[in-house]
């Protein structure tokens, strides 16, 4: 049996593509129409703060240098997603 997601970000855009993001305690799952990408929380290098407060965008920096820009969130949801990602990633907030 799989664990329930800690948070689901539905009807968002990730790097420009329509997606749903599932946050689990050990991984993120980004599901688009064409693809599904699983990212271990250990791969999260940082979670940017600046855009979250002003624009409702959550930007996640990955250890391999990649970025996930999650857009289309209401400000309240963006702040909650930011806090949740920081907690899951072990406090790496920049």
Foldseek 3Di string as FASTA:
>chain_A
DDDAFPDKDAQKAKVRFGWIWTHHLFWIWTDGPVDIDIGGLLQFQEWEDVCLQPFVWIWTAGNVGDIIIIHDHDSVVSVVVSVVSCVSSVNRYD
